[in-house]
Each structure stands twice: as structure tokens, then as C-alpha cells.
Amino acid sequence: MDYSAQAQAKEAIVAEKLAPLGGGAALPVRPITVMDDPWMFRNKMEFSFQPPHRLGLHQRGRWDEVIDVRTCFLPSQTVMEIVAAVRAFVIEHDLVCYDTRMHEGFLRHLVVREGRATREVMVAIVTAPGPFAQAHALADTLVAQHPQIASIIWAINATQSDAVEVSEAHVLHGRPYIFERLGGRIYKVGLLTFFQTNSAQAERMIDVVREFAHLGGTERVLDLYCGVGTFALALSARASEVIGVDASGAAVEAARENAVLNGVTNASFQALDVGHLEGQLPPGTRVDVVILDPPRAGAGARVMRAIRRLAPHRVV
């Protein structure tokens, strides 16, 4: 389906879902902010290994079947060149790939993250537990071909889960993170850091959030589900104070590090269960603007009630 037709269809779906909330009147829906180029935009990809030497993506609807992908229009060409280099190394050294049916083997996933603004690349090889004698040779091969690689990690997944879970990690080259720049701020991105996967559109989303927040410099902002501080830090220059809340302790720690990295002193971050927000904020907490970016399941009624009682001037 043509990209412009996709955008029109999605816009119609949003308008249709919002219509019952308007009490008979159509609610205004702004046009979707489309991408300038809807190809090769994704800054994170997870590929799977499968015996004997496949490296690619799962066939649709099949958890146990991997397609040996050699061309893909989601990530950049650099990412696919790295995939090809890893596959060639695996074949040359006859490395054992993991069989998800039998839960046997060694190589499980290849994760590639890319800072689109900084051009830094992270490569992570996820394996089952056990010795990896060729790890440094693989790292040397990749860096020789792609000197922009700032991080190569050997991560170990000791579970049977096919998700990328890490029980142990070793840095083979560079550092355990890369940098990305969004909304005038710089962010550390680790292997498991949640980060918007489309950097170009994330920039535009920050612009929209700034517009809707309509800050004058005196407001206190509460950023719910703040993650690593993407919106909180972008808004901090136009607010008197920003408070970020997230249930993930790792995300909150990353947000605090990003605040220091950017010299932001009026943002604080708390590891709290957003669903039990009211009982965890200090009594009498004044909030002027709430930024709400919940997970796919939504925020839920309890969070909605808490926001209503906080009575902010605006919810973005």
C-alpha cells in the first residue's frame, strides 16, 4: 500500500475512534506528520540465528522459522552490511547457531543499534552460556570493516525465552553504550535501553509535544512513563521544574545520567509505579502540565483518576 494512502487510512481510523467522544460533534484531528522518506529509518534491529547458519528475521506467524534476510528496507545499508559480515564470519568459522525448538546451540541474536544523528553504531551478539573463543576475532573483523562502530557487546541469555534477555554482558570493543541526539539533547543508549526507534520522527514528536505543552518558563511538568528522559529533558529549558516518573529503575537511572550529561539541573527522576502515582507523590504536589506516553496497553483508569485529581492545566 502506498505510504500516503497508509497515512490517510491511519488518520481516518484515529478520527473514527475519537468520534464517540465528541458528543455528536467531530473532534479536530490534525493531519498525520508523515516521514520525508519512509525507508531505512529504523535505528534498532534484532536479528535471529538459526541452524545451520541462518541470520535474519522470523517468518510471519512462525516463532521457529528464520528467513535468511539479505536485503531489508527498515534499517540503514550499514546495518545490513554488518549482518552480512557477521553471517560470513559465522559460516567461515562454522559457529553453532541456536535451535529454538530443541533449546540447543550457541548463537541466538544479533542486535544492531544506530545513532542517526551521531552516526555511532552498537553491535551486540547474544549467545547461550558457554565459551566464545572467536568473540574478539569477530569484533576485530567488524571494526576493520566499519570503524564507526563505537560499541561491540557479547551478551549472554541464559533463559529459554526467545526475547533478547541479558543475564551477563562483556564489552568487546569501545563502550557499553552509544550516543544519540534528539531535540537538542544527547542521550546514552545501551543494549536494553528503550528508545524511540525512528529518530527522525522522534524529533518531530518532540516538536509537537513542545507545541502542545505551551510552556512559558514557570510551569512544573510531570512526565509519566518518562523512560530515559526523552521528553522531560527536551522540555526542561522551558519549564521551572520537570519530574519524570517510570517504573523501570534502569530507565530512571539512565534518565538521571542523561540529565547530568546535558547539564540539566531542574529535572528529577523517580522510580515509581505510575499506576499507584497518587500515594507516592508528596502531598500537595502542584502540577501544571502532564506528559503522558504510556505503553501499548495504555495508562488505565487508576492513572486517569490520578491525573484528574492533580488537575493540571494541560495533558499532552
C-alpha atoms as a PDB file:
ATOM      1  CA  MET A   1       0.000   0.000   0.000  1.00  0.00           C
ATOM      2  CA  ASP A   2       1.354   3.410  -0.961  1.00  0.00           C
ATOM      3  CA  TYR A   3       2.775   5.343   2.007  1.00  0.00           C
ATOM      4  CA  SER A   4       0.499   8.366   1.547  1.00  0.00           C
ATOM      5  CA  ALA A   5      -2.529   6.044   1.393  1.00  0.00           C
ATOM      6  CA  GLN A   6      -1.352   4.355   4.615  1.00  0.00           C
ATOM      7  CA  ALA A   7      -1.189   7.739   6.350  1.00  0.00           C
ATOM      8  CA  GLN A   8      -4.695   8.671   5.130  1.00  0.00           C
ATOM      9  CA  ALA A   9      -6.086   5.315   6.314  1.00  0.00           C
ATOM     10  CA  LYS A  10      -4.493   5.662   9.774  1.00  0.00           C
ATOM     11  CA  GLU A  11      -5.745   9.231  10.053  1.00  0.00           C
ATOM     12  CA  ALA A  12      -9.289   8.023   9.272  1.00  0.00           C
ATOM     13  CA  ILE A  13      -9.011   5.288  11.916  1.00  0.00           C
ATOM     14  CA  VAL A  14      -7.959   7.814  14.589  1.00  0.00           C
ATOM     15  CA  ALA A  15     -10.820  10.156  13.665  1.00  0.00           C
ATOM     16  CA  GLU A  16     -13.296   7.247  13.760  1.00  0.00           C
ATOM     17  CA  LYS A  17     -12.123   6.099  17.212  1.00  0.00           C
ATOM     18  CA  LEU A  18     -12.321   9.636  18.640  1.00  0.00           C
ATOM     19  CA  ALA A  19     -15.732  10.420  17.138  1.00  0.00           C
ATOM     20  CA  PRO A  20     -17.847   8.978  20.018  1.00  0.00           C
ATOM     21  CA  LEU A  21     -16.023  11.285  22.462  1.00  0.00           C
ATOM     22  CA  GLY A  22     -17.208  14.431  20.720  1.00  0.00           C
ATOM     23  CA  GLY A  23     -20.846  14.244  21.828  1.00  0.00           C
ATOM     24  CA  GLY A  24     -22.048  14.271  18.251  1.00  0.00           C
ATOM     25  CA  ALA A  25     -19.543  16.874  17.048  1.00  0.00           C
ATOM     26  CA  ALA A  26     -16.459  15.815  15.118  1.00  0.00           C
ATOM     27  CA  LEU A  27     -13.264  16.274  17.139  1.00  0.00           C
ATOM     28  CA  PRO A  28     -10.477  18.060  15.275  1.00  0.00           C
ATOM     29  CA  VAL A  29      -7.731  15.693  14.133  1.00  0.00           C
ATOM     30  CA  ARG A  30      -4.591  17.232  12.728  1.00  0.00           C
ATOM     31  CA  PRO A  31      -3.087  15.598   9.628  1.00  0.00           C
ATOM     32  CA  ILE A  32      -0.540  12.871  10.351  1.00  0.00           C
ATOM     33  CA  THR A  33       3.019  14.162  10.267  1.00  0.00           C
ATOM     34  CA  VAL A  34       4.428  11.895   7.582  1.00  0.00           C
ATOM     35  CA  MET A  35       8.054  10.948   7.073  1.00  0.00           C
ATOM     36  CA  ASP A  36      10.059  12.656   4.372  1.00  0.00           C
ATOM     37  CA  ASP A  37      11.435   9.242   3.402  1.00  0.00           C
ATOM     38  CA  PRO A  38       9.630   6.140   4.746  1.00  0.00           C
ATOM     39  CA  TRP A  39      12.567   3.809   4.060  1.00  0.00           C
ATOM     40  CA  MET A  40      15.666   2.787   6.043  1.00  0.00           C
ATOM     41  CA  PHE A  41      14.524   4.751   9.096  1.00  0.00           C
ATOM     42  CA  ARG A  42      14.777   2.228  11.933  1.00  0.00           C
ATOM     43  CA  ASN A  43      17.627   2.770  14.422  1.00  0.00           C
ATOM     44  CA  LYS A  44      17.355  -0.644  16.134  1.00  0.00           C
ATOM     45  CA  MET A  45      17.064  -4.123  14.667  1.00  0.00           C
ATOM     46  CA  GLU A  46      17.055  -7.566  16.289  1.00  0.00           C
ATOM     47  CA  PHE A  47      18.026 -10.477  14.054  1.00  0.00           C
ATOM     48  CA  SER A  48      17.868 -14.170  14.965  1.00  0.00           C
ATOM     49  CA  PHE A  49      20.248 -17.045  14.242  1.00  0.00           C
ATOM     50  CA  GLN A  50      19.022 -20.494  13.196  1.00  0.00           C
ATOM     51  CA  PRO A  51      20.932 -23.663  12.267  1.00  0.00           C
ATOM     52  CA  PRO A  52      22.908 -24.240  10.284  1.00  0.00           C
ATOM     53  CA  HIS A  53      23.980 -20.631   9.571  1.00  0.00           C
ATOM     54  CA  ARG A  54      20.856 -18.547   9.021  1.00  0.00           C
ATOM     55  CA  LEU A  55      20.735 -14.947  10.233  1.00  0.00           C
ATOM     56  CA  GLY A  56      17.629 -12.889   9.672  1.00  0.00           C
ATOM     57  CA  LEU A  57      14.063 -12.272  10.756  1.00  0.00           C
ATOM     58  CA  HIS A  58      11.255 -14.592  11.784  1.00  0.00           C
ATOM     59  CA  GLN A  59       8.825 -15.678   9.125  1.00  0.00           C
ATOM     60  CA  ARG A  60       5.438 -14.101   9.755  1.00  0.00           C
ATOM     61  CA  GLY A  61       3.479 -16.180  12.237  1.00  0.00           C
ATOM     62  CA  ARG A  62       6.378 -18.569  12.896  1.00  0.00           C
ATOM     63  CA  TRP A  63       8.415 -18.417  16.098  1.00  0.00           C
ATOM     64  CA  ASP A  64      10.566 -21.335  14.948  1.00  0.00           C
ATOM     65  CA  GLU A  65      11.420 -20.292  11.389  1.00  0.00           C
ATOM     66  CA  VAL A  66      14.004 -17.641  10.448  1.00  0.00           C
ATOM     67  CA  ILE A  67      14.339 -16.177   6.961  1.00  0.00           C
ATOM     68  CA  ASP A  68      17.959 -15.599   5.928  1.00  0.00           C
ATOM     69  CA  VAL A  69      17.426 -11.885   5.222  1.00  0.00           C
ATOM     70  CA  ARG A  70      19.963 -10.279   2.904  1.00  0.00           C
ATOM     71  CA  THR A  71      18.071  -7.137   1.933  1.00  0.00           C
ATOM     72  CA  CYS A  72      15.875  -5.066   4.223  1.00  0.00           C
ATOM     73  CA  PHE A  73      14.439  -1.580   3.799  1.00  0.00           C
ATOM     74  CA  LEU A  74      13.831  -0.890   7.520  1.00  0.00           C
ATOM     75  CA  PRO A  75      17.413  -0.235   8.734  1.00  0.00           C
ATOM     76  CA  SER A  76      20.242   1.586   7.005  1.00  0.00           C
ATOM     77  CA  GLN A  77      22.513  -0.056   4.461  1.00  0.00           C
ATOM     78  CA  THR A  78      25.272  -0.043   7.082  1.00  0.00           C
ATOM     79  CA  VAL A  79      23.219  -2.326   9.333  1.00  0.00           C
ATOM     80  CA  MET A  80      22.666  -4.833   6.532  1.00  0.00           C
ATOM     81  CA  GLU A  81      26.388  -4.781   5.708  1.00  0.00           C
ATOM     82  CA  ILE A  82      27.104  -5.654   9.353  1.00  0.00           C
ATOM     83  CA  VAL A  83      24.570  -8.502   9.169  1.00  0.00           C
ATOM     84  CA  ALA A  84      26.320  -9.829   6.053  1.00  0.00           C
ATOM     85  CA  ALA A  85      29.737  -9.581   7.725  1.00  0.00           C
ATOM     86  CA  VAL A  86      28.527 -11.467  10.816  1.00  0.00           C
ATOM     87  CA  ARG A  87      26.891 -14.155   8.673  1.00  0.00           C
ATOM     88  CA  ALA A  88      30.097 -14.602   6.644  1.00  0.00           C
ATOM     89  CA  PHE A  89      32.147 -14.923   9.858  1.00  0.00           C
ATOM     90  CA  VAL A  90      29.736 -17.498  11.276  1.00  0.00           C
ATOM     91  CA  ILE A  91      29.933 -19.583   8.092  1.00  0.00           C
ATOM     92  CA  GLU A  92      33.738 -19.290   7.843  1.00  0.00           C
ATOM     93  CA  HIS A  93      34.237 -20.424  11.449  1.00  0.00           C
ATOM     94  CA  ASP A  94      31.340 -22.895  11.388  1.00  0.00           C
ATOM     95  CA  LEU A  95      29.836 -21.451  14.567  1.00  0.00           C
ATOM     96  CA  VAL A  96      26.863 -23.257  16.092  1.00  0.00           C
ATOM     97  CA  CYS A  97      23.539 -21.412  15.901  1.00  0.00           C
ATOM     98  CA  TYR A  98      20.764 -21.813  18.460  1.00  0.00           C
ATOM     99  CA  ASP A  99      17.833 -24.116  17.757  1.00  0.00           C
ATOM    100  CA  THR A 100      14.715 -22.679  19.420  1.00  0.00           C
ATOM    101  CA  ARG A 101      12.840 -25.972  19.052  1.00  0.00           C
ATOM    102  CA  MET A 102      15.455 -28.068  20.867  1.00  0.00           C
ATOM    103  CA  HIS A 103      16.849 -25.236  23.037  1.00  0.00           C
ATOM    104  CA  GLU A 104      20.343 -26.213  21.925  1.00  0.00           C
ATOM    105  CA  GLY A 105      23.175 -24.279  20.320  1.00  0.00           C
ATOM    106  CA  PHE A 106      25.094 -21.077  20.951  1.00  0.00           C
ATOM    107  CA  LEU A 107      24.474 -18.013  18.747  1.00  0.00           C
ATOM    108  CA  ARG A 108      20.998 -16.591  19.452  1.00  0.00           C
ATOM    109  CA  HIS A 109      20.580 -12.966  18.316  1.00  0.00           C
ATOM    110  CA  LEU A 110      22.346 -10.089  16.623  1.00  0.00           C
ATOM    111  CA  VAL A 111      21.221  -6.644  17.800  1.00  0.00           C
ATOM    112  CA  VAL A 112      22.328  -3.522  15.923  1.00  0.00           C
ATOM    113  CA  ARG A 113      21.586  -0.003  17.196  1.00  0.00           C
ATOM    114  CA  GLU A 114      22.484   3.166  15.343  1.00  0.00           C
ATOM    115  CA  GLY A 115      22.682   6.803  16.409  1.00  0.00           C
ATOM    116  CA  ARG A 116      21.261   8.521  13.358  1.00  0.00           C
ATOM    117  CA  ALA A 117      22.483  11.993  14.409  1.00  0.00           C
ATOM    118  CA  THR A 118      25.833  10.841  15.821  1.00  0.00           C
ATOM    119  CA  ARG A 119      26.487   8.023  13.310  1.00  0.00           C
ATOM    120  CA  GLU A 120      27.624   5.760  16.140  1.00  0.00           C
ATOM    121  CA  VAL A 121      26.800   2.053  15.884  1.00  0.00           C
ATOM    122  CA  MET A 122      26.378  -0.647  18.536  1.00  0.00           C
ATOM    123  CA  VAL A 123      26.603  -4.347  17.693  1.00  0.00           C
ATOM    124  CA  ALA A 124      25.579  -6.984  20.236  1.00  0.00           C
ATOM    125  CA  ILE A 125      25.997 -10.724  19.801  1.00  0.00           C
ATOM    126  CA  VAL A 126      23.599 -12.578  22.112  1.00  0.00           C
ATOM    127  CA  THR A 127      24.540 -16.177  22.879  1.00  0.00           C
ATOM    128  CA  ALA A 128      23.636 -19.023  25.177  1.00  0.00           C
ATOM    129  CA  PRO A 129      26.014 -19.576  28.129  1.00  0.00           C
ATOM    130  CA  GLY A 130      29.409 -21.055  27.259  1.00  0.00           C
ATOM    131  CA  PRO A 131      32.848 -20.100  25.910  1.00  0.00           C
ATOM    132  CA  PHE A 132      33.073 -17.836  22.850  1.00  0.00           C
ATOM    133  CA  ALA A 133      36.635 -18.281  21.638  1.00  0.00           C
ATOM    134  CA  GLN A 134      36.054 -16.294  18.422  1.00  0.00           C
ATOM    135  CA  ALA A 135      34.434 -13.263  20.116  1.00  0.00           C
ATOM    136  CA  HIS A 136      37.383 -10.883  19.824  1.00  0.00           C
ATOM    137  CA  ALA A 137      38.194 -12.052  16.291  1.00  0.00           C
ATOM    138  CA  LEU A 138      34.614 -11.250  15.257  1.00  0.00           C
ATOM    139  CA  ALA A 139      34.848  -7.823  16.916  1.00  0.00           C
ATOM    140  CA  ASP A 140      38.136  -7.071  15.153  1.00  0.00           C
ATOM    141  CA  THR A 141      36.628  -8.091  11.805  1.00  0.00           C
ATOM    142  CA  LEU A 142      33.603  -5.813  12.243  1.00  0.00           C
ATOM    143  CA  VAL A 143      35.610  -2.769  13.389  1.00  0.00           C
ATOM    144  CA  ALA A 144      38.028  -3.170  10.488  1.00  0.00           C
ATOM    145  CA  GLN A 145      35.117  -3.010   8.047  1.00  0.00           C
ATOM    146  CA  HIS A 146      33.064  -0.387   9.922  1.00  0.00           C
ATOM    147  CA  PRO A 147      35.206   1.968  12.028  1.00  0.00           C
ATOM    148  CA  GLN A 148      32.072   3.921  13.089  1.00  0.00           C
ATOM    149  CA  ILE A 149      31.188   1.031  15.407  1.00  0.00           C
ATOM    150  CA  ALA A 150      31.534   2.517  18.894  1.00  0.00           C
ATOM    151  CA  SER A 151      30.335  -0.494  20.867  1.00  0.00           C
ATOM    152  CA  ILE A 152      30.503  -4.262  20.454  1.00  0.00           C
ATOM    153  CA  ILE A 153      28.962  -6.351  23.204  1.00  0.00           C
ATOM    154  CA  TRP A 154      28.843 -10.075  23.872  1.00  0.00           C
ATOM    155  CA  ALA A 155      25.634 -10.666  25.819  1.00  0.00           C
ATOM    156  CA  ILE A 156      24.501 -13.949  27.365  1.00  0.00           C
ATOM    157  CA  ASN A 157      20.884 -15.111  27.556  1.00  0.00           C
ATOM    158  CA  ALA A 158      20.676 -17.997  29.997  1.00  0.00           C
ATOM    159  CA  THR A 159      16.901 -18.459  29.626  1.00  0.00           C
ATOM    160  CA  GLN A 160      14.873 -20.377  27.044  1.00  0.00           C
ATOM    161  CA  SER A 161      12.976 -17.226  26.109  1.00  0.00           C
ATOM    162  CA  ASP A 162      13.407 -16.139  22.500  1.00  0.00           C
ATOM    163  CA  ALA A 163      13.267 -12.491  23.564  1.00  0.00           C
ATOM    164  CA  VAL A 164      16.566 -10.630  23.923  1.00  0.00           C
ATOM    165  CA  GLU A 165      17.171 -11.113  27.634  1.00  0.00           C
ATOM    166  CA  VAL A 166      20.604 -10.485  29.129  1.00  0.00           C
ATOM    167  CA  SER A 167      21.969 -12.116  32.256  1.00  0.00           C
ATOM    168  CA  GLU A 168      25.590 -11.144  31.599  1.00  0.00           C
ATOM    169  CA  ALA A 169      27.377  -8.778  29.199  1.00  0.00           C
ATOM    170  CA  HIS A 170      31.004  -8.239  28.134  1.00  0.00           C
ATOM    171  CA  VAL A 171      32.294  -5.253  26.146  1.00  0.00           C
ATOM    172  CA  LEU A 172      34.471  -6.493  23.280  1.00  0.00           C
ATOM    173  CA  HIS A 173      35.118  -3.086  21.752  1.00  0.00           C
ATOM    174  CA  GLY A 174      34.543   0.539  22.765  1.00  0.00           C
ATOM    175  CA  ARG A 175      31.961   1.245  25.447  1.00  0.00           C
ATOM    176  CA  PRO A 176      28.680  -0.341  26.600  1.00  0.00           C
ATOM    177  CA  TYR A 177      26.567   2.406  25.004  1.00  0.00           C
ATOM    178  CA  ILE A 178      26.313   4.755  22.049  1.00  0.00           C
ATOM    179  CA  PHE A 179      25.102   8.351  21.894  1.00  0.00           C
ATOM    180  CA  GLU A 180      22.088   9.697  20.038  1.00  0.00           C
ATOM    181  CA  ARG A 181      20.955  13.323  19.739  1.00  0.00           C
ATOM    182  CA  LEU A 182      17.282  14.349  19.851  1.00  0.00           C
ATOM    183  CA  GLY A 183      15.615  17.685  20.446  1.00  0.00           C
ATOM    184  CA  GLY A 184      18.899  19.444  21.140  1.00  0.00           C
ATOM    185  CA  ARG A 185      19.840  16.912  23.858  1.00  0.00           C
ATOM    186  CA  ILE A 186      22.236  13.981  23.785  1.00  0.00           C
ATOM    187  CA  TYR A 187      21.280  10.561  25.155  1.00  0.00           C
ATOM    188  CA  LYS A 188      23.197   7.448  26.169  1.00  0.00           C
ATOM    189  CA  VAL A 189      21.660   4.363  24.565  1.00  0.00           C
ATOM    190  CA  GLY A 190      22.585   0.944  25.941  1.00  0.00           C
ATOM    191  CA  LEU A 191      21.763  -2.512  24.652  1.00  0.00           C
ATOM    192  CA  LEU A 192      18.455  -2.750  26.556  1.00  0.00           C
ATOM    193  CA  THR A 193      17.609   0.963  26.708  1.00  0.00           C
ATOM    194  CA  PHE A 194      14.092   1.756  25.494  1.00  0.00           C
ATOM    195  CA  PHE A 195      14.443   4.482  22.880  1.00  0.00           C
ATOM    196  CA  GLN A 196      12.221   5.692  20.056  1.00  0.00           C
ATOM    197  CA  THR A 197      13.147   3.502  17.077  1.00  0.00           C
ATOM    198  CA  ASN A 198      12.541   6.220  14.474  1.00  0.00           C
ATOM    199  CA  SER A 199      14.917   9.095  15.261  1.00  0.00           C
ATOM    200  CA  ALA A 200      13.666  11.443  12.540  1.00  0.00           C
ATOM    201  CA  GLN A 201      10.030  11.164  13.635  1.00  0.00           C
ATOM    202  CA  ALA A 202      11.005  11.297  17.316  1.00  0.00           C
ATOM    203  CA  GLU A 203      12.477  14.748  16.617  1.00  0.00           C
ATOM    204  CA  ARG A 204       9.158  15.837  15.140  1.00  0.00           C
ATOM    205  CA  MET A 205       7.241  14.287  18.019  1.00  0.00           C
ATOM    206  CA  ILE A 206       9.314  16.332  20.488  1.00  0.00           C
ATOM    207  CA  ASP A 207       8.426  19.468  18.498  1.00  0.00           C
ATOM    208  CA  VAL A 208       4.710  18.601  18.754  1.00  0.00           C
ATOM    209  CA  VAL A 209       4.968  17.918  22.492  1.00  0.00           C
ATOM    210  CA  ARG A 210       6.691  21.291  22.986  1.00  0.00           C
ATOM    211  CA  GLU A 211       3.942  22.997  20.999  1.00  0.00           C
ATOM    212  CA  PHE A 212       1.132  21.325  22.933  1.00  0.00           C
ATOM    213  CA  ALA A 213       2.821  21.808  26.342  1.00  0.00           C
ATOM    214  CA  HIS A 214       2.912  25.567  25.631  1.00  0.00           C
ATOM    215  CA  LEU A 215       5.410  26.271  28.398  1.00  0.00           C
ATOM    216  CA  GLY A 216       6.206  29.799  29.496  1.00  0.00           C
ATOM    217  CA  GLY A 217       9.088  29.032  31.849  1.00  0.00           C
ATOM    218  CA  THR A 218       7.213  28.922  35.172  1.00  0.00           C
ATOM    219  CA  GLU A 219       5.435  25.582  34.934  1.00  0.00           C
ATOM    220  CA  ARG A 220       6.057  22.344  36.805  1.00  0.00           C
ATOM    221  CA  VAL A 221       5.891  19.424  34.363  1.00  0.00           C
ATOM    222  CA  LEU A 222       5.168  15.787  35.288  1.00  0.00           C
ATOM    223  CA  ASP A 223       6.411  13.326  32.675  1.00  0.00           C
ATOM    224  CA  LEU A 224       4.733   9.938  33.206  1.00  0.00           C
ATOM    225  CA  TYR A 225       6.377   6.843  31.727  1.00  0.00           C
ATOM    226  CA  CYS A 226       9.418   9.058  31.183  1.00  0.00           C
ATOM    227  CA  GLY A 227      11.843   6.322  30.097  1.00  0.00           C
ATOM    228  CA  VAL A 228      15.349   7.715  29.661  1.00  0.00           C
ATOM    229  CA  GLY A 229      14.049  11.297  29.797  1.00  0.00           C
ATOM    230  CA  THR A 230      13.404  11.947  26.107  1.00  0.00           C
ATOM    231  CA  PHE A 231      10.543  14.416  26.642  1.00  0.00           C
ATOM    232  CA  ALA A 232      11.480  15.585  30.144  1.00  0.00           C
ATOM    233  CA  LEU A 233      14.936  16.771  29.136  1.00  0.00           C
ATOM    234  CA  ALA A 234      13.700  18.289  25.875  1.00  0.00           C
ATOM    235  CA  LEU A 235      11.143  20.380  27.838  1.00  0.00           C
ATOM    236  CA  SER A 236      13.408  21.298  30.757  1.00  0.00           C
ATOM    237  CA  ALA A 237      14.726  24.508  29.185  1.00  0.00           C
ATOM    238  CA  ARG A 238      11.181  25.936  29.005  1.00  0.00           C
ATOM    239  CA  ALA A 239       9.918  24.819  32.452  1.00  0.00           C
ATOM    240  CA  SER A 240      10.741  25.744  36.023  1.00  0.00           C
ATOM    241  CA  GLU A 241      10.860  22.079  37.020  1.00  0.00           C
ATOM    242  CA  VAL A 242      10.357  18.693  35.386  1.00  0.00           C
ATOM    243  CA  ILE A 243       9.617  15.493  37.304  1.00  0.00           C
ATOM    244  CA  GLY A 244       9.985  12.212  35.425  1.00  0.00           C
ATOM    245  CA  VAL A 245       8.334   9.028  36.690  1.00  0.00           C
ATOM    246  CA  ASP A 246       8.865   5.485  35.423  1.00  0.00           C
ATOM    247  CA  ALA A 247       8.502   2.022  36.941  1.00  0.00           C
ATOM    248  CA  SER A 248      11.820   0.906  35.438  1.00  0.00           C
ATOM    249  CA  GLY A 249      14.713   1.599  37.770  1.00  0.00           C
ATOM    250  CA  ALA A 250      17.187   1.153  34.903  1.00  0.00           C
ATOM    251  CA  ALA A 251      15.351   3.737  32.788  1.00  0.00           C
ATOM    252  CA  VAL A 252      15.258   6.223  35.676  1.00  0.00           C
ATOM    253  CA  GLU A 253      18.978   5.769  36.314  1.00  0.00           C
ATOM    254  CA  ALA A 254      19.635   6.371  32.608  1.00  0.00           C
ATOM    255  CA  ALA A 255      17.439   9.496  32.708  1.00  0.00           C
ATOM    256  CA  ARG A 256      19.450  10.855  35.636  1.00  0.00           C
ATOM    257  CA  GLU A 257      22.688  10.191  33.761  1.00  0.00           C
ATOM    258  CA  ASN A 258      21.299  11.932  30.684  1.00  0.00           C
ATOM    259  CA  ALA A 259      20.336  14.961  32.791  1.00  0.00           C
ATOM    260  CA  VAL A 260      23.921  15.244  34.057  1.00  0.00           C
ATOM    261  CA  LEU A 261      25.249  14.675  30.532  1.00  0.00           C
ATOM    262  CA  ASN A 262      23.214  17.627  29.255  1.00  0.00           C
ATOM    263  CA  GLY A 263      23.834  19.905  32.246  1.00  0.00           C
ATOM    264  CA  VAL A 264      20.124  19.900  33.167  1.00  0.00           C
ATOM    265  CA  THR A 265      19.630  20.822  36.834  1.00  0.00           C
ATOM    266  CA  ASN A 266      15.855  21.369  37.023  1.00  0.00           C
ATOM    267  CA  ALA A 267      14.816  17.787  36.179  1.00  0.00           C
ATOM    268  CA  SER A 268      14.463  14.958  38.689  1.00  0.00           C
ATOM    269  CA  PHE A 269      13.508  11.350  38.073  1.00  0.00           C
ATOM    270  CA  GLN A 270      11.780   8.848  40.339  1.00  0.00           C
ATOM    271  CA  ALA A 271      11.343   5.084  40.032  1.00  0.00           C
ATOM    272  CA  LEU A 272       7.657   4.790  40.941  1.00  0.00           C
ATOM    273  CA  ASP A 273       4.754   2.600  39.912  1.00  0.00           C
ATOM    274  CA  VAL A 274       2.819   5.000  37.693  1.00  0.00           C
ATOM    275  CA  GLY A 275      -0.365   3.056  38.433  1.00  0.00           C
ATOM    276  CA  HIS A 276      -0.077   4.000  42.116  1.00  0.00           C
ATOM    277  CA  LEU A 277       1.019   7.557  41.455  1.00  0.00           C
ATOM    278  CA  GLU A 278      -1.122   9.411  43.980  1.00  0.00           C
ATOM    279  CA  GLY A 279       0.117   7.717  47.112  1.00  0.00           C
ATOM    280  CA  GLN A 280       3.743   8.160  46.076  1.00  0.00           C
ATOM    281  CA  LEU A 281       3.934  11.873  45.238  1.00  0.00           C
ATOM    282  CA  PRO A 282       4.470  14.302  48.135  1.00  0.00           C
ATOM    283  CA  PRO A 283       1.173  15.729  49.483  1.00  0.00           C
ATOM    284  CA  GLY A 284       0.160  18.979  47.819  1.00  0.00           C
ATOM    285  CA  THR A 285       2.277  18.393  44.721  1.00  0.00           C
ATOM    286  CA  ARG A 286       1.377  21.049  42.154  1.00  0.00           C
ATOM    287  CA  VAL A 287       1.483  20.019  38.501  1.00  0.00           C
ATOM    288  CA  ASP A 288       0.795  22.406  35.620  1.00  0.00           C
ATOM    289  CA  VAL A 289       1.423  20.114  32.659  1.00  0.00           C
ATOM    290  CA  VAL A 290       1.374  16.310  32.411  1.00  0.00           C
ATOM    291  CA  ILE A 291       3.196  14.490  29.621  1.00  0.00           C
ATOM    292  CA  LEU A 292       1.610  11.073  29.124  1.00  0.00           C
ATOM    293  CA  ASP A 293       3.329   8.498  26.907  1.00  0.00           C
ATOM    294  CA  PRO A 294       2.078   5.123  28.195  1.00  0.00           C
ATOM    295  CA  PRO A 295       2.968   1.651  26.878  1.00  0.00           C
ATOM    296  CA  ARG A 296       0.782  -0.019  24.262  1.00  0.00           C
ATOM    297  CA  ALA A 297      -1.688  -1.311  26.845  1.00  0.00           C
ATOM    298  CA  GLY A 298      -2.489   2.275  27.855  1.00  0.00           C
ATOM    299  CA  ALA A 299      -2.316   4.049  31.196  1.00  0.00           C
ATOM    300  CA  GLY A 300      -5.514   2.667  32.716  1.00  0.00           C
ATOM    301  CA  ALA A 301      -8.315   4.120  34.813  1.00  0.00           C
ATOM    302  CA  ARG A 302      -6.263   4.496  38.009  1.00  0.00           C
ATOM    303  CA  VAL A 303      -3.722   6.755  36.277  1.00  0.00           C
ATOM    304  CA  MET A 304      -6.520   8.730  34.629  1.00  0.00           C
ATOM    305  CA  ARG A 305      -8.133   9.353  38.023  1.00  0.00           C
ATOM    306  CA  ALA A 306      -4.796  10.431  39.493  1.00  0.00           C
ATOM    307  CA  ILE A 307      -4.273  12.929  36.668  1.00  0.00           C
ATOM    308  CA  ARG A 308      -7.783  14.304  37.161  1.00  0.00           C
ATOM    309  CA  ARG A 309      -7.124  14.872  40.862  1.00  0.00           C
ATOM    310  CA  LEU A 310      -3.798  16.549  40.115  1.00  0.00           C
ATOM    311  CA  ALA A 311      -5.827  18.929  37.900  1.00  0.00           C
ATOM    312  CA  PRO A 312      -3.060  20.073  35.531  1.00  0.00           C
ATOM    313  CA  HIS A 313      -3.771  22.895  33.081  1.00  0.00           C
ATOM    314  CA  ARG A 314      -2.791  20.646  30.168  1.00  0.00           C
ATOM    315  CA  VAL A 315      -2.242  16.961  29.440  1.00  0.00           C
ATOM    316  CA  VAL A 316      -0.093  16.160  26.405  1.00  0.00           C
END
